[in-house]
């Protein structure tokens, strides 16, 4: 899956599967080419870091690792539950993302300048 991901940065998502199933978190970064997202507080990996400079401190660091975008679902701000995302074109020609559960408009889709 390369190219499109159904969530964006700063969206609140619910984790559907894996060791962090049931957690909610904010999307920190999206990797569309890999089909992955980085979610705050989810999929914490342990890294052993060696000091590279004289003043730098080494040690064990815990940080988020990317998870597949198919394992997360957008949380609607109005109904406060995980919901599918739909796209809709309004009368004024604006394209918006909407919650399929309650019909609430989530945000306006900004098309890339190249298209």
N, C-alpha and C. Protein backbone atom coordinates (compact mmCIF):
# COMPACT_ATOMS: atom_id res chain seq x y z
N UNK A 1 0.85 -1.19 0.00
CA UNK A 1 0.00 0.00 0.00
C UNK A 1 0.89 1.24 0.00
N UNK A 2 0.93 1.91 -1.08
CA UNK A 2 1.75 3.11 -1.14
C UNK A 2 0.92 4.27 -1.64
N UNK A 3 1.13 5.43 -1.07
CA UNK A 3 0.46 6.62 -1.58
C UNK A 3 -0.54 7.26 -0.65
N UNK A 4 -1.62 6.55 -0.30
CA UNK A 4 -2.69 7.19 0.47
C UNK A 4 -2.86 6.55 1.84
N UNK A 5 -3.10 7.40 2.83
CA UNK A 5 -3.38 6.97 4.18
C UNK A 5 -4.63 7.72 4.63
N UNK A 6 -5.54 7.06 5.32
CA UNK A 6 -6.82 7.66 5.68
C UNK A 6 -6.77 8.61 6.87
N UNK A 7 -5.63 8.71 7.55
CA UNK A 7 -5.49 9.64 8.67
C UNK A 7 -4.40 10.65 8.38
N UNK A 8 -4.43 11.75 9.11
CA UNK A 8 -3.46 12.83 8.94
C UNK A 8 -2.78 13.14 10.26
N UNK A 9 -1.74 13.97 10.17
CA UNK A 9 -1.05 14.41 11.38
C UNK A 9 -2.03 15.17 12.28
N UNK A 10 -1.91 15.00 13.58
CA UNK A 10 -2.74 15.62 14.62
C UNK A 10 -4.14 15.03 14.76
N UNK A 11 -4.49 13.99 13.98
CA UNK A 11 -5.75 13.29 14.17
C UNK A 11 -5.65 12.41 15.42
N UNK A 12 -6.75 12.24 16.14
CA UNK A 12 -6.79 11.31 17.26
C UNK A 12 -7.29 9.98 16.71
N UNK A 13 -6.54 8.91 16.98
CA UNK A 13 -6.88 7.60 16.44
C UNK A 13 -7.01 6.56 17.55
N UNK A 14 -7.73 5.49 17.24
CA UNK A 14 -7.95 4.36 18.13
C UNK A 14 -7.22 3.17 17.52
N UNK A 15 -6.44 2.44 18.33
CA UNK A 15 -5.67 1.30 17.82
C UNK A 15 -6.57 0.06 17.85
N UNK A 16 -6.71 -0.60 16.69
CA UNK A 16 -7.60 -1.75 16.54
C UNK A 16 -6.96 -3.09 16.92
N UNK A 17 -5.68 -3.27 16.60
CA UNK A 17 -5.03 -4.55 16.83
C UNK A 17 -3.63 -4.35 17.38
N UNK A 18 -3.04 -5.45 17.85
CA UNK A 18 -1.67 -5.43 18.32
C UNK A 18 -1.58 -5.32 19.83
N UNK A 19 -0.37 -5.14 20.34
CA UNK A 19 -0.15 -5.11 21.78
C UNK A 19 -0.77 -3.88 22.45
N UNK A 20 -1.02 -2.83 21.68
CA UNK A 20 -1.61 -1.61 22.23
C UNK A 20 -3.08 -1.46 21.86
N UNK A 21 -3.77 -2.57 21.59
CA UNK A 21 -5.17 -2.56 21.20
C UNK A 21 -6.02 -1.82 22.24
N UNK A 22 -6.88 -0.92 21.75
CA UNK A 22 -7.77 -0.18 22.64
C UNK A 22 -7.25 1.18 23.07
N UNK A 23 -6.00 1.49 22.77
CA UNK A 23 -5.43 2.78 23.15
C UNK A 23 -5.82 3.86 22.15
N UNK A 24 -5.90 5.10 22.66
CA UNK A 24 -6.12 6.25 21.79
C UNK A 24 -4.88 7.10 21.83
N UNK A 25 -4.57 7.74 20.72
CA UNK A 25 -3.40 8.60 20.66
C UNK A 25 -3.45 9.53 19.47
N UNK A 26 -2.59 10.54 19.51
CA UNK A 26 -2.51 11.54 18.46
C UNK A 26 -1.48 11.11 17.42
N UNK A 27 -1.79 11.28 16.15
CA UNK A 27 -0.85 10.93 15.08
C UNK A 27 0.24 12.00 15.03
N UNK A 28 1.48 11.57 15.23
CA UNK A 28 2.62 12.49 15.22
C UNK A 28 3.20 12.66 13.82
N UNK A 29 3.23 11.56 13.05
CA UNK A 29 3.82 11.61 11.72
C UNK A 29 3.17 10.54 10.85
N UNK A 30 3.06 10.82 9.55
CA UNK A 30 2.48 9.87 8.60
C UNK A 30 3.53 9.54 7.55
N UNK A 31 3.66 8.25 7.24
CA UNK A 31 4.58 7.77 6.21
C UNK A 31 3.75 7.16 5.09
N UNK A 32 3.24 7.98 4.13
CA UNK A 32 2.36 7.46 3.09
C UNK A 32 3.01 6.43 2.17
N UNK A 33 4.30 6.55 1.90
CA UNK A 33 4.96 5.61 1.01
C UNK A 33 5.02 4.21 1.62
N UNK A 34 5.07 4.13 2.95
CA UNK A 34 5.12 2.84 3.64
C UNK A 34 3.75 2.42 4.16
N UNK A 35 2.78 3.34 4.16
CA UNK A 35 1.46 3.04 4.69
C UNK A 35 1.45 2.93 6.20
N UNK A 36 2.32 3.70 6.86
CA UNK A 36 2.45 3.62 8.32
C UNK A 36 2.23 4.98 8.96
N UNK A 37 1.89 4.94 10.27
CA UNK A 37 1.71 6.16 11.05
C UNK A 37 2.44 6.02 12.38
N UNK A 38 2.87 7.15 12.93
CA UNK A 38 3.52 7.21 14.23
C UNK A 38 2.52 7.81 15.20
N UNK A 39 2.10 7.02 16.20
CA UNK A 39 1.06 7.46 17.14
C UNK A 39 1.67 7.66 18.52
N UNK A 40 1.30 8.76 19.15
CA UNK A 40 1.82 9.14 20.46
C UNK A 40 1.45 8.10 21.52
N UNK A 41 2.45 7.55 22.21
CA UNK A 41 2.23 6.60 23.29
C UNK A 41 1.88 5.19 22.87
N UNK A 42 2.01 4.87 21.58
CA UNK A 42 1.64 3.55 21.06
C UNK A 42 2.86 2.90 20.41
N UNK A 43 2.99 1.58 20.57
CA UNK A 43 4.09 0.81 20.00
C UNK A 43 5.45 1.35 20.45
N UNK A 44 5.63 1.40 21.77
CA UNK A 44 6.87 1.92 22.34
C UNK A 44 7.98 0.89 22.16
N UNK A 45 9.08 1.33 21.55
CA UNK A 45 10.24 0.47 21.31
C UNK A 45 11.38 0.94 22.21
N UNK A 46 12.22 0.01 22.63
CA UNK A 46 13.36 0.32 23.47
C UNK A 46 14.60 0.36 22.60
N UNK A 47 15.33 1.47 22.67
CA UNK A 47 16.56 1.60 21.91
C UNK A 47 17.72 1.82 22.89
N UNK A 48 18.83 1.18 22.59
CA UNK A 48 20.03 1.37 23.39
C UNK A 48 20.91 2.36 22.65
N UNK A 49 21.06 3.54 23.20
CA UNK A 49 21.81 4.59 22.51
C UNK A 49 23.18 4.78 23.15
N UNK A 50 24.17 4.84 22.29
CA UNK A 50 25.55 5.04 22.70
C UNK A 50 25.86 6.54 22.58
N UNK A 51 26.58 7.11 23.53
CA UNK A 51 26.92 8.53 23.39
C UNK A 51 27.86 8.75 22.21
N UNK A 52 27.53 9.68 21.33
CA UNK A 52 28.35 9.93 20.13
C UNK A 52 29.32 11.08 20.33
N UNK A 53 28.99 12.01 21.21
CA UNK A 53 29.87 13.16 21.48
C UNK A 53 30.25 13.14 22.96
N UNK A 54 31.22 13.94 23.31
CA UNK A 54 31.73 13.95 24.69
C UNK A 54 30.66 14.38 25.70
N UNK A 55 29.81 15.34 25.34
CA UNK A 55 28.79 15.85 26.26
C UNK A 55 27.47 15.09 26.18
N UNK A 56 27.31 14.20 25.18
CA UNK A 56 26.07 13.47 24.99
C UNK A 56 25.98 12.30 25.97
N UNK A 57 24.76 12.03 26.43
CA UNK A 57 24.56 10.94 27.37
C UNK A 57 23.93 9.74 26.66
N UNK A 58 24.44 8.56 26.94
CA UNK A 58 23.89 7.34 26.36
C UNK A 58 22.87 6.75 27.31
N UNK A 59 22.34 5.59 26.96
CA UNK A 59 21.39 4.91 27.83
C UNK A 59 20.28 4.25 27.06
N UNK A 60 19.28 3.80 27.80
CA UNK A 60 18.13 3.13 27.20
C UNK A 60 17.05 4.17 26.97
N UNK A 61 16.59 4.27 25.72
CA UNK A 61 15.59 5.27 25.34
C UNK A 61 14.34 4.55 24.86
N UNK A 62 13.19 5.02 25.33
CA UNK A 62 11.90 4.48 24.90
C UNK A 62 11.27 5.48 23.94
N UNK A 63 10.93 5.01 22.73
CA UNK A 63 10.32 5.91 21.75
C UNK A 63 9.30 5.16 20.91
N UNK A 64 8.39 5.93 20.30
CA UNK A 64 7.33 5.34 19.48
C UNK A 64 7.92 4.81 18.18
N UNK A 65 7.36 3.69 17.72
CA UNK A 65 7.72 3.13 16.42
C UNK A 65 6.48 3.16 15.54
N UNK A 66 6.65 3.26 14.22
CA UNK A 66 5.49 3.32 13.31
C UNK A 66 4.67 2.03 13.34
N UNK A 67 3.35 2.17 13.17
CA UNK A 67 2.46 1.02 13.02
C UNK A 67 1.70 1.17 11.71
N UNK A 68 1.16 0.09 11.21
CA UNK A 68 0.45 0.12 9.94
C UNK A 68 -0.82 0.95 10.06
N UNK A 69 -1.11 1.74 9.05
CA UNK A 69 -2.27 2.62 9.09
C UNK A 69 -3.59 1.85 9.10
N UNK A 70 -3.57 0.59 8.64
CA UNK A 70 -4.79 -0.21 8.65
C UNK A 70 -5.17 -0.65 10.06
N UNK A 71 -4.26 -0.51 11.01
CA UNK A 71 -4.51 -0.91 12.39
C UNK A 71 -5.05 0.23 13.25
N UNK A 72 -5.29 1.39 12.65
CA UNK A 72 -5.84 2.52 13.41
C UNK A 72 -7.12 3.02 12.76
N UNK A 73 -7.98 3.62 13.58
CA UNK A 73 -9.24 4.16 13.10
C UNK A 73 -9.41 5.56 13.69
N UNK A 74 -9.84 6.48 12.88
CA UNK A 74 -10.02 7.86 13.31
C UNK A 74 -11.11 7.96 14.37
N UNK A 75 -10.87 8.77 15.42
CA UNK A 75 -11.87 9.01 16.46
C UNK A 75 -12.57 10.32 16.15
N UNK A 76 -13.90 10.27 15.99
CA UNK A 76 -14.69 11.46 15.70
C UNK A 76 -14.76 12.33 16.94
N UNK A 77 -14.59 13.63 16.77
CA UNK A 77 -14.62 14.55 17.91
C UNK A 77 -16.03 14.76 18.46
N UNK A 78 -17.05 14.59 17.61
CA UNK A 78 -18.43 14.80 18.04
C UNK A 78 -18.99 13.57 18.78
N UNK A 79 -18.93 12.38 18.13
CA UNK A 79 -19.48 11.18 18.77
C UNK A 79 -18.45 10.47 19.66
N UNK A 80 -17.20 10.94 19.69
CA UNK A 80 -16.11 10.45 20.54
C UNK A 80 -15.95 8.92 20.48
N UNK A 81 -16.09 8.38 19.29
CA UNK A 81 -15.89 6.95 19.10
C UNK A 81 -15.22 6.71 17.76
N UNK A 82 -14.54 5.55 17.60
CA UNK A 82 -13.88 5.27 16.33
C UNK A 82 -14.91 5.16 15.21
N UNK A 83 -14.62 5.77 14.09
CA UNK A 83 -15.57 5.76 12.97
C UNK A 83 -14.82 5.74 11.65
N UNK A 84 -15.50 5.25 10.62
CA UNK A 84 -14.93 5.28 9.28
C UNK A 84 -14.98 6.70 8.75
N UNK A 85 -14.06 7.00 7.85
CA UNK A 85 -13.97 8.34 7.27
C UNK A 85 -14.55 8.30 5.86
N UNK A 86 -15.44 9.26 5.57
CA UNK A 86 -15.99 9.39 4.23
C UNK A 86 -15.58 10.72 3.64
N UNK A 87 -15.68 10.84 2.34
CA UNK A 87 -15.38 12.11 1.68
C UNK A 87 -16.65 12.62 1.02
N UNK A 88 -16.82 13.95 1.04
CA UNK A 88 -18.04 14.54 0.52
C UNK A 88 -17.69 15.89 -0.12
N UNK A 89 -18.38 16.24 -1.19
CA UNK A 89 -18.18 17.53 -1.82
C UNK A 89 -19.38 18.40 -1.47
N UNK A 90 -19.11 19.56 -0.87
CA UNK A 90 -20.17 20.48 -0.47
C UNK A 90 -20.67 21.28 -1.67
N UNK A 91 -21.75 22.05 -1.47
CA UNK A 91 -22.34 22.86 -2.55
C UNK A 91 -21.35 23.90 -3.10
N UNK A 92 -20.49 24.44 -2.20
CA UNK A 92 -19.53 25.45 -2.64
C UNK A 92 -18.30 24.85 -3.33
N UNK A 93 -18.28 23.52 -3.50
CA UNK A 93 -17.18 22.87 -4.21
C UNK A 93 -16.05 22.39 -3.32
N UNK A 94 -16.14 22.64 -2.01
CA UNK A 94 -15.10 22.18 -1.10
C UNK A 94 -15.24 20.68 -0.85
N UNK A 95 -14.11 19.99 -0.80
CA UNK A 95 -14.08 18.58 -0.51
C UNK A 95 -13.75 18.43 0.98
N UNK A 96 -14.56 17.67 1.71
CA UNK A 96 -14.37 17.54 3.16
C UNK A 96 -14.32 16.07 3.57
N UNK A 97 -13.67 15.82 4.73
CA UNK A 97 -13.71 14.49 5.34
C UNK A 97 -14.85 14.50 6.35
N UNK A 98 -15.62 13.42 6.42
CA UNK A 98 -16.74 13.37 7.35
C UNK A 98 -16.80 12.03 8.07
N UNK A 99 -17.41 12.04 9.24
CA UNK A 99 -17.60 10.84 10.04
C UNK A 99 -18.79 10.08 9.46
N UNK A 100 -18.60 8.80 9.14
CA UNK A 100 -19.69 8.02 8.57
C UNK A 100 -20.71 7.61 9.63
N UNK A 101 -20.34 7.71 10.91
CA UNK A 101 -21.25 7.31 11.97
C UNK A 101 -22.28 8.39 12.28
N UNK A 102 -21.80 9.64 12.46
CA UNK A 102 -22.73 10.72 12.83
C UNK A 102 -22.92 11.77 11.75
N UNK A 103 -22.10 11.73 10.69
CA UNK A 103 -22.23 12.69 9.60
C UNK A 103 -21.53 14.01 9.83
N UNK A 104 -20.82 14.16 10.95
CA UNK A 104 -20.12 15.40 11.29
C UNK A 104 -18.95 15.63 10.34
N UNK A 105 -18.75 16.87 9.91
CA UNK A 105 -17.62 17.23 9.05
C UNK A 105 -16.37 17.33 9.92
N UNK A 106 -15.33 16.58 9.55
CA UNK A 106 -14.09 16.57 10.32
C UNK A 106 -13.19 17.74 9.91
N UNK A 107 -12.88 17.84 8.63
CA UNK A 107 -12.07 18.96 8.14
C UNK A 107 -12.14 19.04 6.62
N UNK A 108 -11.59 20.14 6.11
CA UNK A 108 -11.55 20.38 4.66
C UNK A 108 -10.30 19.72 4.10
N UNK A 109 -10.44 19.03 2.97
CA UNK A 109 -9.29 18.39 2.32
C UNK A 109 -8.62 19.42 1.43
N UNK A 110 -7.35 19.62 1.69
CA UNK A 110 -6.55 20.52 0.85
C UNK A 110 -5.83 19.68 -0.17
N UNK A 111 -6.10 19.92 -1.43
CA UNK A 111 -5.46 19.16 -2.51
C UNK A 111 -4.01 19.61 -2.67
N UNK A 112 -3.08 18.67 -2.97
CA UNK A 112 -1.70 19.06 -3.21
C UNK A 112 -1.61 20.01 -4.42
N UNK A 113 -0.61 20.89 -4.38
CA UNK A 113 -0.48 21.90 -5.44
C UNK A 113 -0.20 21.31 -6.81
N UNK A 114 0.37 20.09 -6.85
CA UNK A 114 0.70 19.45 -8.11
C UNK A 114 -0.53 18.94 -8.87
N UNK A 115 -1.68 18.72 -8.18
CA UNK A 115 -2.82 18.15 -8.89
C UNK A 115 -3.73 19.17 -9.48
